[in-house]
Amino acid sequence: VPVDGREPYDVRDVIRGVVDGGRFLEVQERWARN
């Protein structure tokens, strides 16, 4: 996560770095991607 609040990053990488086994089942992945 960049310190500069204007720089993008993929929050899914953060999620996988916290949850069991890095496994995350995303729902509606392609819609409302924000």
PDB file of all heavy atoms in Angstrom:
ATOM      1  N   VAL A   1       0.841  -1.197   0.000  1.00  0.00           N
ATOM      2  CA  VAL A   1       0.000   0.000   0.000  1.00  0.00           C
ATOM      3  C   VAL A   1       0.878   1.250   0.000  1.00  0.00           C
ATOM      4  O   VAL A   1       1.523   1.558   1.000  1.00  0.00           O
ATOM      5  CB  VAL A   1      -0.924   0.012   1.233  1.00  0.00           C
ATOM      6  CG1 VAL A   1      -1.812   1.252   1.217  1.00  0.00           C
ATOM      7  CG2 VAL A   1      -1.775  -1.254   1.272  1.00  0.00           C
ATOM      8  N   PRO A   2       0.913   1.993  -1.096  1.00  0.00           N
ATOM      9  CA  PRO A   2       1.728   3.218  -1.137  1.00  0.00           C
ATOM     10  C   PRO A   2       1.232   4.239  -0.109  1.00  0.00           C
ATOM     11  O   PRO A   2       0.033   4.353   0.143  1.00  0.00           O
ATOM     12  CB  PRO A   2       1.520   3.739  -2.568  1.00  0.00           C
ATOM     13  CG  PRO A   2       1.007   2.565  -3.339  1.00  0.00           C
ATOM     14  CD  PRO A   2       0.243   1.733  -2.370  1.00  0.00           C
ATOM     15  N   VAL A   3       2.155   4.977   0.463  1.00  0.00           N
ATOM     16  CA  VAL A   3       1.783   6.004   1.439  1.00  0.00           C
ATOM     17  C   VAL A   3       1.011   7.133   0.767  1.00  0.00           C
ATOM     18  O   VAL A   3       0.047   7.667   1.324  1.00  0.00           O
ATOM     19  CB  VAL A   3       3.039   6.551   2.151  1.00  0.00           C
ATOM     20  CG1 VAL A   3       2.665   7.724   3.057  1.00  0.00           C
ATOM     21  CG2 VAL A   3       3.726   5.448   2.945  1.00  0.00           C
ATOM     22  N   ASP A   4       1.404   7.484  -0.445  1.00  0.00           N
ATOM     23  CA  ASP A   4       0.720   8.533  -1.198  1.00  0.00           C
ATOM     24  C   ASP A   4      -0.693   8.068  -1.528  1.00  0.00           C
ATOM     25  O   ASP A   4      -0.894   7.092  -2.267  1.00  0.00           O
ATOM     26  CB  ASP A   4       1.484   8.838  -2.486  1.00  0.00           C
ATOM     27  CG  ASP A   4       0.898  10.027  -3.245  1.00  0.00           C
ATOM     28  OD1 ASP A   4      -0.257  10.416  -2.974  1.00  0.00           O
ATOM     29  OD2 ASP A   4       1.602  10.571  -4.122  1.00  0.00           O
ATOM     30  N   GLY A   5      -1.688   8.758  -0.989  1.00  0.00           N
ATOM     31  CA  GLY A   5      -3.076   8.355  -1.168  1.00  0.00           C
ATOM     32  C   GLY A   5      -3.578   8.413  -2.586  1.00  0.00           C
ATOM     33  O   GLY A   5      -4.660   7.915  -2.882  1.00  0.00           O
ATOM     34  N   ARG A   6      -2.822   9.007  -3.486  1.00  0.00           N
ATOM     35  CA  ARG A   6      -3.248   9.090  -4.882  1.00  0.00           C
ATOM     36  C   ARG A   6      -2.716   7.938  -5.723  1.00  0.00           C
ATOM     37  O   ARG A   6      -3.103   7.796  -6.887  1.00  0.00           O
ATOM     38  CB  ARG A   6      -2.786  10.418  -5.477  1.00  0.00           C
ATOM     39  CG  ARG A   6      -3.457  11.644  -4.856  1.00  0.00           C
ATOM     40  CD  ARG A   6      -2.767  12.927  -5.219  1.00  0.00           C
ATOM     41  NE  ARG A   6      -1.398  12.966  -4.669  1.00  0.00           N
ATOM     42  CZ  ARG A   6      -0.602  14.020  -4.718  1.00  0.00           C
ATOM     43  NH1 ARG A   6      -1.026  15.128  -5.316  1.00  0.00           N
ATOM     44  NH2 ARG A   6       0.602  13.974  -4.200  1.00  0.00           N
ATOM     45  N   GLU A   7      -1.827   7.144  -5.167  1.00  0.00           N
ATOM     46  CA  GLU A   7      -1.259   6.030  -5.934  1.00  0.00           C
ATOM     47  C   GLU A   7      -2.138   4.794  -5.817  1.00  0.00           C
ATOM     48  O   GLU A   7      -2.571   4.435  -4.720  1.00  0.00           O
ATOM     49  CB  GLU A   7       0.151   5.714  -5.435  1.00  0.00           C
ATOM     50  CG  GLU A   7       1.176   6.760  -5.776  1.00  0.00           C
ATOM     51  CD  GLU A   7       2.587   6.299  -5.460  1.00  0.00           C
ATOM     52  OE1 GLU A   7       2.835   5.072  -5.531  1.00  0.00           O
ATOM     53  OE2 GLU A   7       3.428   7.146  -5.124  1.00  0.00           O
ATOM     54  N   PRO A   8      -2.398   4.108  -6.935  1.00  0.00           N
ATOM     55  CA  PRO A   8      -3.266   2.925  -6.892  1.00  0.00           C
ATOM     56  C   PRO A   8      -2.521   1.678  -6.415  1.00  0.00           C
ATOM     57  O   PRO A   8      -1.297   1.622  -6.431  1.00  0.00           O
ATOM     58  CB  PRO A   8      -3.694   2.776  -8.351  1.00  0.00           C
ATOM     59  CG  PRO A   8      -2.540   3.321  -9.137  1.00  0.00           C
ATOM     60  CD  PRO A   8      -1.992   4.462  -8.306  1.00  0.00           C
ATOM     61  N   TYR A   9      -3.285   0.707  -5.966  1.00  0.00           N
ATOM     62  CA  TYR A   9      -2.781  -0.622  -5.641  1.00  0.00           C
ATOM     63  C   TYR A   9      -3.974  -1.551  -5.658  1.00  0.00           C
ATOM     64  O   TYR A   9      -5.136  -1.100  -5.698  1.00  0.00           O
ATOM     65  CB  TYR A   9      -2.101  -0.644  -4.258  1.00  0.00           C
ATOM     66  CG  TYR A   9      -3.050  -0.342  -3.124  1.00  0.00           C
ATOM     67  CD1 TYR A   9      -3.685  -1.366  -2.417  1.00  0.00           C
ATOM     68  CD2 TYR A   9      -3.352   0.968  -2.773  1.00  0.00           C
ATOM     69  CE1 TYR A   9      -4.582  -1.078  -1.393  1.00  0.00           C
ATOM     70  CE2 TYR A   9      -4.228   1.259  -1.764  1.00  0.00           C
ATOM     71  CZ  TYR A   9      -4.850   0.239  -1.075  1.00  0.00           C
ATOM     72  OH  TYR A   9      -5.748   0.518  -0.071  1.00  0.00           O
ATOM     73  N   ASP A  10      -3.723  -2.849  -5.641  1.00  0.00           N
ATOM     74  CA  ASP A  10      -4.811  -3.828  -5.689  1.00  0.00           C
ATOM     75  C   ASP A  10      -5.119  -4.295  -4.275  1.00  0.00           C
ATOM     76  O   ASP A  10      -4.319  -4.991  -3.650  1.00  0.00           O
ATOM     77  CB  ASP A  10      -4.417  -5.011  -6.571  1.00  0.00           C
ATOM     78  CG  ASP A  10      -5.603  -5.899  -6.939  1.00  0.00           C
ATOM     79  OD1 ASP A  10      -6.587  -5.914  -6.176  1.00  0.00           O
ATOM     80  OD2 ASP A  10      -5.529  -6.583  -7.986  1.00  0.00           O
ATOM     81  N   VAL A  11      -6.280  -3.912  -3.759  1.00  0.00           N
ATOM     82  CA  VAL A  11      -6.625  -4.254  -2.384  1.00  0.00           C
ATOM     83  C   VAL A  11      -6.777  -5.755  -2.190  1.00  0.00           C
ATOM     84  O   VAL A  11      -6.666  -6.268  -1.066  1.00  0.00           O
ATOM     85  CB  VAL A  11      -7.914  -3.511  -1.954  1.00  0.00           C
ATOM     86  CG1 VAL A  11      -9.156  -4.147  -2.589  1.00  0.00           C
ATOM     87  CG2 VAL A  11      -8.047  -3.475  -0.437  1.00  0.00           C
ATOM     88  N   ARG A  12      -6.981  -6.490  -3.271  1.00  0.00           N
ATOM     89  CA  ARG A  12      -7.094  -7.947  -3.144  1.00  0.00           C
ATOM     90  C   ARG A  12      -5.779  -8.561  -2.687  1.00  0.00           C
ATOM     91  O   ARG A  12      -5.780  -9.607  -2.018  1.00  0.00           O
ATOM     92  CB  ARG A  12      -7.551  -8.550  -4.472  1.00  0.00           C
ATOM     93  CG  ARG A  12      -8.980  -8.160  -4.843  1.00  0.00           C
ATOM     94  CD  ARG A  12      -9.371  -8.581  -6.238  1.00  0.00           C
ATOM     95  NE  ARG A  12      -8.554  -7.912  -7.242  1.00  0.00           N
ATOM     96  CZ  ARG A  12      -8.782  -7.982  -8.543  1.00  0.00           C
ATOM     97  NH1 ARG A  12      -9.805  -8.688  -8.999  1.00  0.00           N
ATOM     98  NH2 ARG A  12      -8.007  -7.358  -9.409  1.00  0.00           N
ATOM     99  N   ASP A  13      -4.663  -7.924  -3.012  1.00  0.00           N
ATOM    100  CA  ASP A  13      -3.372  -8.404  -2.512  1.00  0.00           C
ATOM    101  C   ASP A  13      -3.301  -8.252  -0.991  1.00  0.00           C
ATOM    102  O   ASP A  13      -2.730  -9.100  -0.297  1.00  0.00           O
ATOM    103  CB  ASP A  13      -2.223  -7.635  -3.173  1.00  0.00           C
ATOM    104  CG  ASP A  13      -2.116  -7.910  -4.663  1.00  0.00           C
ATOM    105  OD1 ASP A  13      -2.541  -8.999  -5.095  1.00  0.00           O
ATOM    106  OD2 ASP A  13      -1.610  -7.031  -5.394  1.00  0.00           O
ATOM    107  N   VAL A  14      -3.861  -7.163  -0.479  1.00  0.00           N
ATOM    108  CA  VAL A  14      -3.889  -6.955   0.965  1.00  0.00           C
ATOM    109  C   VAL A  14      -4.782  -8.014   1.629  1.00  0.00           C
ATOM    110  O   VAL A  14      -4.417  -8.602   2.651  1.00  0.00           O
ATOM    111  CB  VAL A  14      -4.401  -5.540   1.300  1.00  0.00           C
ATOM    112  CG1 VAL A  14      -4.508  -5.351   2.814  1.00  0.00           C
ATOM    113  CG2 VAL A  14      -3.496  -4.485   0.677  1.00  0.00           C
ATOM    114  N   ILE A  15      -5.952  -8.250   1.025  1.00  0.00           N
ATOM    115  CA  ILE A  15      -6.870  -9.250   1.581  1.00  0.00           C
ATOM    116  C   ILE A  15      -6.196 -10.610   1.644  1.00  0.00           C
ATOM    117  O   ILE A  15      -6.233 -11.296   2.679  1.00  0.00           O
ATOM    118  CB  ILE A  15      -8.154  -9.314   0.726  1.00  0.00           C
ATOM    119  CG1 ILE A  15      -8.924  -7.995   0.797  1.00  0.00           C
ATOM    120  CG2 ILE A  15      -9.041 -10.482   1.176  1.00  0.00           C
ATOM    121  CD1 ILE A  15     -10.023  -7.861  -0.240  1.00  0.00           C
ATOM    122  N   ARG A  16      -5.548 -11.008   0.552  1.00  0.00           N
ATOM    123  CA  ARG A  16      -4.900 -12.324   0.512  1.00  0.00           C
ATOM    124  C   ARG A  16      -3.739 -12.406   1.503  1.00  0.00           C
ATOM    125  O   ARG A  16      -3.375 -13.501   1.935  1.00  0.00           O
ATOM    126  CB  ARG A  16      -4.420 -12.623  -0.911  1.00  0.00           C
ATOM    127  CG  ARG A  16      -5.560 -12.761  -1.916  1.00  0.00           C
ATOM    128  CD  ARG A  16      -5.051 -13.195  -3.289  1.00  0.00           C
ATOM    129  NE  ARG A  16      -6.124 -13.213  -4.268  1.00  0.00           N
ATOM    130  CZ  ARG A  16      -6.308 -12.280  -5.212  1.00  0.00           C
ATOM    131  NH1 ARG A  16      -5.450 -11.267  -5.307  1.00  0.00           N
ATOM    132  NH2 ARG A  16      -7.320 -12.356  -6.049  1.00  0.00           N
ATOM    133  N   GLY A  17      -3.170 -11.269   1.857  1.00  0.00           N
ATOM    134  CA  GLY A  17      -2.080 -11.267   2.821  1.00  0.00           C
ATOM    135  C   GLY A  17      -2.534 -11.366   4.263  1.00  0.00           C
ATOM    136  O   GLY A  17      -1.699 -11.443   5.166  1.00  0.00           O
ATOM    137  N   VAL A  18      -3.841 -11.373   4.484  1.00  0.00           N
ATOM    138  CA  VAL A  18      -4.381 -11.407   5.837  1.00  0.00           C
ATOM    139  C   VAL A  18      -5.201 -12.669   6.103  1.00  0.00           C
ATOM    140  O   VAL A  18      -5.213 -13.189   7.216  1.00  0.00           O
ATOM    141  CB  VAL A  18      -5.254 -10.146   6.086  1.00  0.00           C
ATOM    142  CG1 VAL A  18      -5.991 -10.239   7.408  1.00  0.00           C
ATOM    143  CG2 VAL A  18      -4.394  -8.887   6.036  1.00  0.00           C
ATOM    144  N   VAL A  19      -5.898 -13.199   5.078  1.00  0.00           N
ATOM    145  CA  VAL A  19      -6.850 -14.296   5.293  1.00  0.00           C
ATOM    146  C   VAL A  19      -6.162 -15.655   5.204  1.00  0.00           C
ATOM    147  O   VAL A  19      -5.045 -15.785   4.680  1.00  0.00           O
ATOM    148  CB  VAL A  19      -8.008 -14.213   4.279  1.00  0.00           C
ATOM    149  CG1 VAL A  19      -8.726 -12.882   4.410  1.00  0.00           C
ATOM    150  CG2 VAL A  19      -7.510 -14.409   2.843  1.00  0.00           C
ATOM    151  N   ASP A  20      -6.844 -16.664   5.694  1.00  0.00           N
ATOM    152  CA  ASP A  20      -6.299 -18.022   5.737  1.00  0.00           C
ATOM    153  C   ASP A  20      -5.880 -18.494   4.344  1.00  0.00           C
ATOM    154  O   ASP A  20      -6.687 -18.474   3.396  1.00  0.00           O
ATOM    155  CB  ASP A  20      -7.354 -18.994   6.279  1.00  0.00           C
ATOM    156  CG  ASP A  20      -7.577 -18.831   7.774  1.00  0.00           C
ATOM    157  OD1 ASP A  20      -7.171 -17.801   8.324  1.00  0.00           O
ATOM    158  OD2 ASP A  20      -8.168 -19.742   8.382  1.00  0.00           O
ATOM    159  N   GLY A  21      -4.632 -18.928   4.251  1.00  0.00           N
ATOM    160  CA  GLY A  21      -4.139 -19.516   3.008  1.00  0.00           C
ATOM    161  C   GLY A  21      -4.116 -18.575   1.833  1.00  0.00           C
ATOM    162  O   GLY A  21      -3.840 -18.995   0.700  1.00  0.00           O
ATOM    163  N   GLY A  22      -4.421 -17.295   2.044  1.00  0.00           N
ATOM    164  CA  GLY A  22      -4.464 -16.345   0.932  1.00  0.00           C
ATOM    165  C   GLY A  22      -5.617 -16.573  -0.015  1.00  0.00           C
ATOM    166  O   GLY A  22      -5.617 -16.041  -1.128  1.00  0.00           O
ATOM    167  N   ARG A  23      -6.625 -17.347   0.417  1.00  0.00           N
ATOM    168  CA  ARG A  23      -7.741 -17.685  -0.481  1.00  0.00           C
ATOM    169  C   ARG A  23      -8.896 -16.715  -0.292  1.00  0.00           C
ATOM    170  O   ARG A  23      -9.380 -16.511   0.816  1.00  0.00           O
ATOM    171  CB  ARG A  23      -8.205 -19.121  -0.245  1.00  0.00           C
ATOM    172  CG  ARG A  23      -7.229 -20.163  -0.794  1.00  0.00           C
ATOM    173  CD  ARG A  23      -7.804 -21.567  -0.668  1.00  0.00           C
ATOM    174  NE  ARG A  23      -7.827 -21.969   0.731  1.00  0.00           N
ATOM    175  CZ  ARG A  23      -6.789 -22.497   1.372  1.00  0.00           C
ATOM    176  NH1 ARG A  23      -5.637 -22.677   0.750  1.00  0.00           N
ATOM    177  NH2 ARG A  23      -6.892 -22.845   2.639  1.00  0.00           N
ATOM    178  N   PHE A  24      -9.340 -16.153  -1.404  1.00  0.00           N
ATOM    179  CA  PHE A  24     -10.417 -15.162  -1.384  1.00  0.00           C
ATOM    180  C   PHE A  24     -11.326 -15.426  -2.570  1.00  0.00           C
ATOM    181  O   PHE A  24     -10.887 -15.413  -3.720  1.00  0.00           O
ATOM    182  CB  PHE A  24      -9.831 -13.754  -1.455  1.00  0.00           C
ATOM    183  CG  PHE A  24     -10.859 -12.658  -1.563  1.00  0.00           C
ATOM    184  CD1 PHE A  24     -11.855 -12.511  -0.609  1.00  0.00           C
ATOM    185  CD2 PHE A  24     -10.818 -11.759  -2.619  1.00  0.00           C
ATOM    186  CE1 PHE A  24     -12.798 -11.499  -0.708  1.00  0.00           C
ATOM    187  CE2 PHE A  24     -11.745 -10.730  -2.724  1.00  0.00           C
ATOM    188  CZ  PHE A  24     -12.738 -10.606  -1.754  1.00  0.00           C
ATOM    189  N   LEU A  25     -12.614 -15.687  -2.312  1.00  0.00           N
ATOM    190  CA  LEU A  25     -13.599 -15.919  -3.367  1.00  0.00           C
ATOM    191  C   LEU A  25     -14.354 -14.619  -3.607  1.00  0.00           C
ATOM    192  O   LEU A  25     -15.252 -14.258  -2.848  1.00  0.00           O
ATOM    193  CB  LEU A  25     -14.563 -17.041  -2.964  1.00  0.00           C
ATOM    194  CG  LEU A  25     -15.662 -17.366  -3.986  1.00  0.00           C
ATOM    195  CD1 LEU A  25     -15.057 -17.815  -5.318  1.00  0.00           C
ATOM    196  CD2 LEU A  25     -16.618 -18.416  -3.438  1.00  0.00           C
ATOM    197  N   GLU A  26     -13.986 -13.921  -4.662  1.00  0.00           N
ATOM    198  CA  GLU A  26     -14.590 -12.624  -4.951  1.00  0.00           C
ATOM    199  C   GLU A  26     -15.943 -12.802  -5.620  1.00  0.00           C
ATOM    200  O   GLU A  26     -16.113 -13.625  -6.522  1.00  0.00           O
ATOM    201  CB  GLU A  26     -13.662 -11.791  -5.832  1.00  0.00           C
ATOM    202  CG  GLU A  26     -14.140 -10.365  -6.023  1.00  0.00           C
ATOM    203  CD  GLU A  26     -13.136  -9.483  -6.746  1.00  0.00           C
ATOM    204  OE1 GLU A  26     -12.010  -9.952  -7.013  1.00  0.00           O
ATOM    205  OE2 GLU A  26     -13.483  -8.321  -7.028  1.00  0.00           O
ATOM    206  N   VAL A  27     -16.920 -12.009  -5.204  1.00  0.00           N
ATOM    207  CA  VAL A  27     -18.269 -12.017  -5.754  1.00  0.00           C
ATOM    208  C   VAL A  27     -18.448 -10.788  -6.641  1.00  0.00           C
ATOM    209  O   VAL A  27     -18.011  -9.688  -6.284  1.00  0.00           O
ATOM    210  CB  VAL A  27     -19.319 -12.020  -4.621  1.00  0.00           C
ATOM    211  CG1 VAL A  27     -20.738 -12.009  -5.196  1.00  0.00           C
ATOM    212  CG2 VAL A  27     -19.117 -13.226  -3.708  1.00  0.00           C
ATOM    213  N   GLN A  28     -19.072 -10.961  -7.796  1.00  0.00           N
ATOM    214  CA  GLN A  28     -19.297  -9.868  -8.749  1.00  0.00           C
ATOM    215  C   GLN A  28     -17.987  -9.144  -9.079  1.00  0.00           C
ATOM    216  O   GLN A  28     -17.888  -7.914  -9.063  1.00  0.00           O
ATOM    217  CB  GLN A  28     -20.342  -8.887  -8.191  1.00  0.00           C
ATOM    218  CG  GLN A  28     -21.730  -9.515  -8.096  1.00  0.00           C
ATOM    219  CD  GLN A  28     -22.750  -8.596  -7.466  1.00  0.00           C
ATOM    220  OE1 GLN A  28     -22.508  -8.022  -6.413  1.00  0.00           O
ATOM    221  NE2 GLN A  28     -23.905  -8.454  -8.097  1.00  0.00           N
ATOM    222  N   GLU A  29     -17.006  -9.927  -9.414  1.00  0.00           N
ATOM    223  CA  GLU A  29     -15.654  -9.411  -9.665  1.00  0.00           C
ATOM    224  C   GLU A  29     -15.613  -8.376 -10.763  1.00  0.00           C
ATOM    225  O   GLU A  29     -14.832  -7.422 -10.711  1.00  0.00           O
ATOM    226  CB  GLU A  29     -14.730 -10.585 -10.010  1.00  0.00           C
ATOM    227  CG  GLU A  29     -13.320 -10.199 -10.370  1.00  0.00           C
ATOM    228  CD  GLU A  29     -12.474 -11.386 -10.788  1.00  0.00           C
ATOM    229  OE1 GLU A  29     -12.973 -12.531 -10.719  1.00  0.00           O
ATOM    230  OE2 GLU A  29     -11.311 -11.171 -11.182  1.00  0.00           O
ATOM    231  N   ARG A  30     -16.450  -8.533 -11.794  1.00  0.00           N
ATOM    232  CA  ARG A  30     -16.346  -7.663 -12.960  1.00  0.00           C
ATOM    233  C   ARG A  30     -17.290  -6.472 -12.924  1.00  0.00           C
ATOM    234  O   ARG A  30     -17.293  -5.655 -13.843  1.00  0.00           O
ATOM    235  CB  ARG A  30     -16.617  -8.483 -14.234  1.00  0.00           C
ATOM    236  CG  ARG A  30     -15.740  -9.713 -14.369  1.00  0.00           C
ATOM    237  CD  ARG A  30     -16.017 -10.447 -15.676  1.00  0.00           C
ATOM    238  NE  ARG A  30     -15.348 -11.742 -15.733  1.00  0.00           N
ATOM    239  CZ  ARG A  30     -15.366 -12.541 -16.789  1.00  0.00           C
ATOM    240  NH1 ARG A  30     -16.026 -12.182 -17.875  1.00  0.00           N
ATOM    241  NH2 ARG A  30     -14.744 -13.710 -16.770  1.00  0.00           N
ATOM    242  N   TRP A  31     -18.105  -6.375 -11.900  1.00  0.00           N
ATOM    243  CA  TRP A  31     -19.096  -5.304 -11.816  1.00  0.00           C
ATOM    244  C   TRP A  31     -18.775  -4.400 -10.628  1.00  0.00           C
ATOM    245  O   TRP A  31     -18.391  -4.886  -9.559  1.00  0.00           O
ATOM    246  CB  TRP A  31     -20.494  -5.905 -11.655  1.00  0.00           C
ATOM    247  CG  TRP A  31     -21.595  -4.884 -11.601  1.00  0.00           C
ATOM    248  CD1 TRP A  31     -21.948  -4.008 -12.586  1.00  0.00           C
ATOM    249  CD2 TRP A  31     -22.490  -4.651 -10.508  1.00  0.00           C
ATOM    250  NE1 TRP A  31     -23.008  -3.233 -12.171  1.00  0.00           N
ATOM    251  CE2 TRP A  31     -23.369  -3.609 -10.904  1.00  0.00           C
ATOM    252  CE3 TRP A  31     -22.637  -5.217  -9.244  1.00  0.00           C
ATOM    253  CZ2 TRP A  31     -24.373  -3.119 -10.081  1.00  0.00           C
ATOM    254  CZ3 TRP A  31     -23.637  -4.736  -8.415  1.00  0.00           C
ATOM    255  CH2 TRP A  31     -24.500  -3.707  -8.832  1.00  0.00           C
ATOM    256  N   ALA A  32     -18.944  -3.082 -10.808  1.00  0.00           N
ATOM    257  CA  ALA A  32     -18.672  -2.121  -9.738  1.00  0.00           C
ATOM    258  C   ALA A  32     -17.309  -2.422  -9.114  1.00  0.00           C
ATOM    259  O   ALA A  32     -17.186  -2.656  -7.918  1.00  0.00           O
ATOM    260  CB  ALA A  32     -19.773  -2.170  -8.685  1.00  0.00           C
ATOM    261  N   ARG A  33     -16.277  -2.368  -9.928  1.00  0.00           N
ATOM    262  CA  ARG A  33     -14.958  -2.822  -9.501  1.00  0.00           C
ATOM    263  C   ARG A  33     -14.298  -1.934  -8.454  1.00  0.00           C
ATOM    264  O   ARG A  33     -13.280  -2.315  -7.865  1.00  0.00           O
ATOM    265  CB  ARG A  33     -14.040  -2.940 -10.727  1.00  0.00           C
ATOM    266  CG  ARG A  33     -14.529  -3.963 -11.748  1.00  0.00           C
ATOM    267  CD  ARG A  33     -13.540  -4.132 -12.869  1.00  0.00           C
ATOM    268  NE  ARG A  33     -14.082  -4.985 -13.917  1.00  0.00           N
ATOM    269  CZ  ARG A  33     -13.372  -5.450 -14.939  1.00  0.00           C
ATOM    270  NH1 ARG A  33     -12.087  -5.132 -15.056  1.00  0.00           N
ATOM    271  NH2 ARG A  33     -13.920  -6.214 -15.858  1.00  0.00           N
ATOM    272  N   ASN A  34     -14.860  -0.752  -8.225  1.00  0.00           N
ATOM    273  CA  ASN A  34     -14.302   0.123  -7.196  1.00  0.00           C
ATOM    274  C   ASN A  34     -14.622  -0.354  -5.785  1.00  0.00           C
ATOM    275  O   ASN A  34     -14.112   0.193  -4.810  1.00  0.00           O
ATOM    276  CB  ASN A  34     -14.776   1.564  -7.387  1.00  0.00           C
ATOM    277  CG  ASN A  34     -16.237   1.676  -7.782  1.00  0.00           C
ATOM    278  OD1 ASN A  34     -16.761   0.860  -8.529  1.00  0.00           O
ATOM    279  ND2 ASN A  34     -16.904   2.696  -7.292  1.00  0.00           N
TER     280      ASN A  34
END
